[in-house]
């Protein structure tokens, strides 16, 4: 089985055309990274790149498409519209697609209260085992074939001020996840747990305090060995930490649409175990060499 994992696609709106009252003070403060920080240029082609990745999912014949958050830059309506358009029919089918929100998708209290993410992607929050949901739709479980299941968690919380980007799964969802792991109906299936924030950096350590997943240790304690994988984004570098007896596989998809760093993972599952993954770039020709790494 094959799973395509991408993340942090950061659709951007035409901010100068929007009135100041619509942007709000939080977004105005954050515009520094958009202009001086270079994000506007880095994500200028994000809609087309995401559309290419969605097309790659069809070309590679993957069993499931996963986007682990930060669909938008500032949780504005035009940004969600762009993402939905870029994904096309994939965004309509929970059997083929899983998307969770990142911290940028709940960038302001207003965007969170209005349920903006759920308005565009709520159809993908369906759970095949709803009895395990604890915090709204989370954790949700998507059964994929006979050998795997995708579990969606929410770690994105509305920041107090821009610049605080840490995340928290929380005790309720962790209790629900523990019930998922123990559910006999999932015996023999690999569990791909999707969360936005990183449990580990590329070196296996904790992320910096204002950026980290605050209950990473509690999450990892539930998921040990090659049956499990944590799929995340938030850190804009692509990496894989193989499973050990004490931790699951950890796949970071980086920022899949950032200019110069475009890419995604194709993750393989065989006989109920996560057996590895290979990095690909959007639009890569389906050559024998590429097939060998898929």
Protein backbone atom coordinates (compact mmCIF):
# COMPACT_ATOMS: atom_id res chain seq x y z
CA UNK A 1 0.00 0.00 0.00
CA UNK A 2 1.14 3.54 -0.74
CA UNK A 3 0.35 6.77 1.10
CA UNK A 4 1.29 10.23 -0.19
CA UNK A 5 2.19 12.61 2.64
CA UNK A 6 2.58 16.36 2.09
CA UNK A 7 2.33 19.33 4.43
CA UNK A 8 2.58 23.10 5.00
CA UNK A 9 1.37 24.18 1.57
CA UNK A 10 0.62 27.74 2.81
CA UNK A 11 -1.84 29.16 0.28
CA UNK A 12 -1.49 32.95 0.29
CA UNK A 13 -4.06 35.63 -0.51
CA UNK A 14 -3.56 38.98 -2.22
CA UNK A 15 -3.12 40.77 1.10
CA UNK A 16 -2.65 44.36 -0.21
CA UNK A 17 -6.09 44.15 -1.82
CA UNK A 18 -7.80 43.30 1.47
CA UNK A 19 -9.05 45.97 3.90
CA UNK A 20 -7.12 46.37 7.15
CA UNK A 21 -10.16 45.46 9.25
CA UNK A 22 -10.43 42.13 7.46
CA UNK A 23 -6.78 41.31 8.05
CA UNK A 24 -6.84 42.24 11.75
CA UNK A 25 -3.93 43.16 13.98
CA UNK A 26 -2.54 39.61 14.25
CA UNK A 27 -2.10 39.23 10.51
CA UNK A 28 -0.75 42.74 10.18
CA UNK A 29 1.92 41.96 12.80
CA UNK A 30 2.79 38.75 10.98
CA UNK A 31 3.23 40.44 7.60
CA UNK A 32 6.92 40.92 8.39
CA UNK A 33 7.63 37.27 7.55
CA UNK A 34 5.45 37.56 4.46
CA UNK A 35 7.38 40.49 3.03
CA UNK A 36 10.85 40.86 4.57
CA UNK A 37 10.98 37.15 5.43
CA UNK A 38 10.31 36.21 1.82
CA UNK A 39 7.26 33.99 2.28
CA UNK A 40 5.23 35.79 -0.36
CA UNK A 41 7.79 34.91 -3.03
CA UNK A 42 8.42 31.42 -1.64
CA UNK A 43 4.74 30.44 -1.93
CA UNK A 44 3.74 32.38 -5.04
CA UNK A 45 3.35 29.11 -6.97
CA UNK A 46 1.80 27.10 -4.14
CA UNK A 47 -1.63 26.55 -5.79
CA UNK A 48 -0.09 25.07 -8.93
CA UNK A 49 2.38 22.97 -6.95
CA UNK A 50 -0.37 21.54 -4.74
CA UNK A 51 -2.44 20.74 -7.84
CA UNK A 52 0.56 18.88 -9.27
CA UNK A 53 0.98 16.90 -6.03
CA UNK A 54 -2.71 15.96 -6.12
CA UNK A 55 -2.26 14.81 -9.72
CA UNK A 56 0.82 12.82 -8.67
CA UNK A 57 -1.36 10.96 -6.16
CA UNK A 58 -3.50 9.79 -9.07
CA UNK A 59 -0.51 9.00 -11.31
CA UNK A 60 1.26 6.96 -8.63
CA UNK A 61 -1.96 5.18 -7.74
CA UNK A 62 -1.61 5.86 -4.02
CA UNK A 63 -4.17 4.39 -1.66
CA UNK A 64 -4.54 7.57 0.40
CA UNK A 65 -3.49 11.23 0.27
CA UNK A 66 -2.49 12.96 3.53
CA UNK A 67 -1.90 16.68 4.16
CA UNK A 68 -0.73 17.33 7.73
CA UNK A 69 -1.80 20.94 8.19
CA UNK A 70 -0.96 24.57 7.37
CA UNK A 71 -3.15 24.54 4.32
CA UNK A 72 -3.19 28.35 4.51
CA UNK A 73 -0.89 31.17 5.55
CA UNK A 74 -3.28 33.25 7.68
CA UNK A 75 -6.59 31.29 7.75
CA UNK A 76 -8.33 33.67 5.33
CA UNK A 77 -11.31 32.60 3.26
CA UNK A 78 -9.56 33.14 -0.14
CA UNK A 79 -6.67 30.94 1.02
CA UNK A 80 -8.97 28.05 1.90
CA UNK A 81 -10.73 28.47 -1.45
CA UNK A 82 -7.40 28.24 -3.29
CA UNK A 83 -6.46 25.06 -1.44
CA UNK A 84 -9.81 23.42 -2.14
CA UNK A 85 -9.57 24.29 -5.83
CA UNK A 86 -6.01 23.00 -6.08
CA UNK A 87 -6.92 19.63 -4.57
CA UNK A 88 -9.92 19.17 -6.85
CA UNK A 89 -11.93 15.99 -6.42
CA UNK A 90 -9.56 14.61 -3.76
CA UNK A 91 -11.00 17.06 -1.24
CA UNK A 92 -14.43 15.49 -1.63
CA UNK A 93 -13.55 11.92 -0.66
CA UNK A 94 -12.62 10.93 2.93
CA UNK A 95 -11.90 7.44 1.65
CA UNK A 96 -8.98 8.79 -0.38
CA UNK A 97 -7.91 11.93 1.48
CA UNK A 98 -7.10 13.10 5.01
CA UNK A 99 -6.39 16.75 5.90
CA UNK A 100 -5.95 18.16 9.40
CA UNK A 101 -5.53 21.82 10.43
CA UNK A 102 -2.18 23.37 11.33
CA UNK A 103 -1.52 26.38 13.50
CA UNK A 104 -1.74 28.71 10.48
CA UNK A 105 -5.25 27.37 9.78
CA UNK A 106 -6.46 28.66 13.17
CA UNK A 107 -4.36 31.83 13.04
CA UNK A 108 -6.97 34.08 14.68
CA UNK A 109 -9.74 33.49 17.24
CA UNK A 110 -12.27 34.59 14.62
CA UNK A 111 -11.14 32.04 12.03
CA UNK A 112 -11.36 29.33 14.69
CA UNK A 113 -14.77 30.38 16.05
CA UNK A 114 -16.26 30.56 12.58
CA UNK A 115 -15.11 27.02 11.79
CA UNK A 116 -13.44 28.14 8.58
CA UNK A 117 -11.34 24.99 8.20
CA UNK A 118 -14.36 22.74 8.76
CA UNK A 119 -16.41 24.74 6.23
CA UNK A 120 -13.98 23.74 3.49
CA UNK A 121 -12.63 20.41 4.73
CA UNK A 122 -15.13 19.16 7.30
CA UNK A 123 -16.16 16.37 4.94
CA UNK A 124 -12.69 14.88 5.53
CA UNK A 125 -13.10 14.71 9.32
CA UNK A 126 -15.43 11.70 9.12
CA UNK A 127 -14.46 8.76 11.34
CA UNK A 128 -15.05 5.08 10.66
CA UNK A 129 -14.84 4.53 14.45
CA UNK A 130 -16.65 7.58 15.89
CA UNK A 131 -16.84 6.09 19.37
CA UNK A 132 -13.17 7.02 19.85
CA UNK A 133 -13.67 10.74 19.15
CA UNK A 134 -13.06 12.91 22.20
CA UNK A 135 -12.45 16.53 21.18
CA UNK A 136 -14.90 17.41 18.44
CA UNK A 137 -13.99 15.27 15.42
CA UNK A 138 -10.67 14.13 16.91
CA UNK A 139 -9.20 11.59 16.94
CA UNK A 140 -10.83 10.31 13.79
CA UNK A 141 -10.02 6.94 12.23
CA UNK A 142 -10.01 6.18 8.52
CA UNK A 143 -9.78 2.49 7.56
CA UNK A 144 -7.70 2.05 4.39
CA UNK A 145 -7.82 -1.36 2.76
CA UNK A 146 -7.21 -4.31 5.07
CA UNK A 147 -3.70 -3.43 6.23
CA UNK A 148 -3.80 0.18 7.43
CA UNK A 149 -5.69 2.94 9.19
CA UNK A 150 -5.10 6.69 9.26
CA UNK A 151 -5.71 8.49 12.56
CA UNK A 152 -6.16 12.27 12.60
CA UNK A 153 -5.23 14.36 15.65
CA UNK A 154 -5.63 18.07 16.38
CA UNK A 155 -2.57 19.81 17.84
CA UNK A 156 -3.15 23.31 16.41
CA UNK A 157 -4.32 25.88 18.97
CA UNK A 158 -5.09 29.56 18.46
CA UNK A 159 -1.90 31.45 19.40
CA UNK A 160 -2.06 34.13 22.08
CA UNK A 161 0.06 36.35 19.83
CA UNK A 162 1.81 35.74 16.50
CA UNK A 163 5.12 33.97 17.00
CA UNK A 164 3.85 31.44 19.54
CA UNK A 165 3.42 28.31 17.45
CA UNK A 166 3.56 25.44 19.93
CA UNK A 167 0.94 22.71 19.84
CA UNK A 168 -0.94 20.40 22.17
CA UNK A 169 -2.89 17.21 21.50
CA UNK A 170 -4.34 17.15 25.01
CA UNK A 171 -5.43 14.49 27.48
CA UNK A 172 -8.83 13.85 25.87
CA UNK A 173 -7.46 13.04 22.44
CA UNK A 174 -4.62 10.98 23.90
CA UNK A 175 -7.18 8.92 25.80
CA UNK A 176 -9.09 8.44 22.56
CA UNK A 177 -5.89 7.46 20.74
CA UNK A 178 -5.09 4.89 23.43
CA UNK A 179 -8.52 3.37 22.83
CA UNK A 180 -7.82 3.31 19.07
CA UNK A 181 -4.51 1.50 19.58
CA UNK A 182 -6.20 -1.08 21.84
CA UNK A 183 -9.23 -1.61 19.57
CA UNK A 184 -9.21 -5.28 18.45
CA UNK A 185 -10.83 -4.28 15.14
CA UNK A 186 -7.53 -2.59 14.21
CA UNK A 187 -5.36 -5.57 15.06
CA UNK A 188 -3.02 -6.35 12.18
CA UNK A 189 -3.28 -2.87 10.68
CA UNK A 190 -0.51 -0.29 10.47
CA UNK A 191 -1.58 2.97 12.14
CA UNK A 192 -0.50 6.21 10.44
CA UNK A 193 -1.12 8.96 13.00
CA UNK A 194 -1.36 12.43 11.46
CA UNK A 195 -0.59 15.47 13.63
CA UNK A 196 0.66 18.90 12.63
CA UNK A 197 3.37 19.57 15.21
CA UNK A 198 6.64 17.66 15.33
CA UNK A 199 7.31 15.16 18.13
CA UNK A 200 11.00 15.18 17.18
CA UNK A 201 13.42 17.37 15.25
CA UNK A 202 15.61 15.78 12.53
CA UNK A 203 18.20 14.90 15.19
CA UNK A 204 15.62 13.16 17.40
CA UNK A 205 15.43 15.93 20.02
CA UNK A 206 12.63 18.26 21.10
CA UNK A 207 11.73 21.32 19.04
CA UNK A 208 12.29 24.81 20.51
CA UNK A 209 9.82 25.78 23.28
CA UNK A 210 7.56 28.19 21.32
CA UNK A 211 7.35 25.79 18.36
CA UNK A 212 7.19 22.30 19.88
CA UNK A 213 4.49 19.72 20.48
CA UNK A 214 4.10 20.11 24.22
CA UNK A 215 2.85 16.58 24.93
CA UNK A 216 5.09 14.78 22.43
CA UNK A 217 6.37 12.29 25.02
CA UNK A 218 2.85 11.23 25.98
CA UNK A 219 1.99 10.73 22.30
CA UNK A 220 5.07 8.66 21.54
CA UNK A 221 4.50 6.39 24.55
CA UNK A 222 1.34 5.13 22.84
CA UNK A 223 3.02 4.38 19.52
CA UNK A 224 6.06 2.11 19.67
CA UNK A 225 7.52 0.01 16.90
CA UNK A 226 7.14 -0.33 13.11
CA UNK A 227 3.39 -0.85 13.20
CA UNK A 228 3.09 2.88 13.86
CA UNK A 229 4.11 6.07 12.08
CA UNK A 230 3.62 9.72 13.02
CA UNK A 231 3.18 11.95 9.97
CA UNK A 232 3.63 15.67 10.59
CA UNK A 233 4.77 19.00 9.20
CA UNK A 234 5.42 22.34 10.97
CA UNK A 235 9.21 22.06 10.51
CA UNK A 236 10.02 23.09 6.94
CA UNK A 237 12.58 20.34 6.33
CA UNK A 238 11.77 16.85 5.05
CA UNK A 239 13.10 13.94 7.12
CA UNK A 240 12.40 10.42 8.36
CA UNK A 241 13.32 8.87 11.70
CA UNK A 242 12.96 5.06 11.43
CA UNK A 243 11.00 3.16 14.05
CA UNK A 244 12.68 1.58 17.04
CA UNK A 245 11.36 -0.50 19.91
CA UNK A 246 10.73 2.77 21.79
CA UNK A 247 9.24 4.98 19.08
CA UNK A 248 7.28 4.86 15.81
CA UNK A 249 8.44 5.89 12.39
CA UNK A 250 8.39 9.70 12.19
CA UNK A 251 7.91 11.33 8.79
CA UNK A 252 8.11 15.10 8.40
CA UNK A 253 6.88 16.28 5.00
CA UNK A 254 8.51 19.69 5.39
CA UNK A 255 6.91 22.42 3.32
CA UNK A 256 5.74 20.69 0.17
CA UNK A 257 5.14 23.83 -1.92
CA UNK A 258 8.00 26.11 -0.80
CA UNK A 259 10.07 27.25 -3.79
CA UNK A 260 13.29 25.26 -3.91
CA UNK A 261 12.07 22.72 -1.33
CA UNK A 262 9.06 21.23 -3.10
CA UNK A 263 8.38 17.59 -2.33
CA UNK A 264 6.47 14.90 -0.48
CA UNK A 265 6.78 11.37 0.87
CA UNK A 266 5.40 8.17 -0.56
CA UNK A 267 5.13 5.88 2.46
CA UNK A 268 4.80 2.13 2.09
CA UNK A 269 2.79 -0.30 4.23
CA UNK A 270 3.07 -4.07 3.90
CA UNK A 271 1.38 -6.76 5.99
CA UNK A 272 0.29 -4.27 8.66
CA UNK A 273 3.72 -2.66 9.11
CA UNK A 274 5.15 0.64 7.91
CA UNK A 275 8.17 -0.49 5.89
CA UNK A 276 9.62 2.84 4.76
CA UNK A 277 9.19 5.80 2.49
CA UNK A 278 10.79 7.70 -0.39
CA UNK A 279 10.91 11.40 -1.18
CA UNK A 280 9.59 12.70 -4.49
CA UNK A 281 9.32 16.08 -6.17
CA UNK A 282 6.05 17.29 -7.74
CA UNK A 283 5.63 16.28 -11.35
CA UNK A 284 8.49 13.78 -11.28
CA UNK A 285 8.34 11.52 -14.37
CA UNK A 286 7.24 7.97 -13.63
CA UNK A 287 10.48 6.34 -14.79
CA UNK A 288 11.77 2.88 -13.77
CA UNK A 289 14.21 4.61 -11.38
CA UNK A 290 11.40 6.61 -9.78
CA UNK A 291 9.26 3.45 -9.55
CA UNK A 292 12.09 1.72 -7.68
CA UNK A 293 11.92 4.45 -5.04
CA UNK A 294 8.17 4.39 -4.71
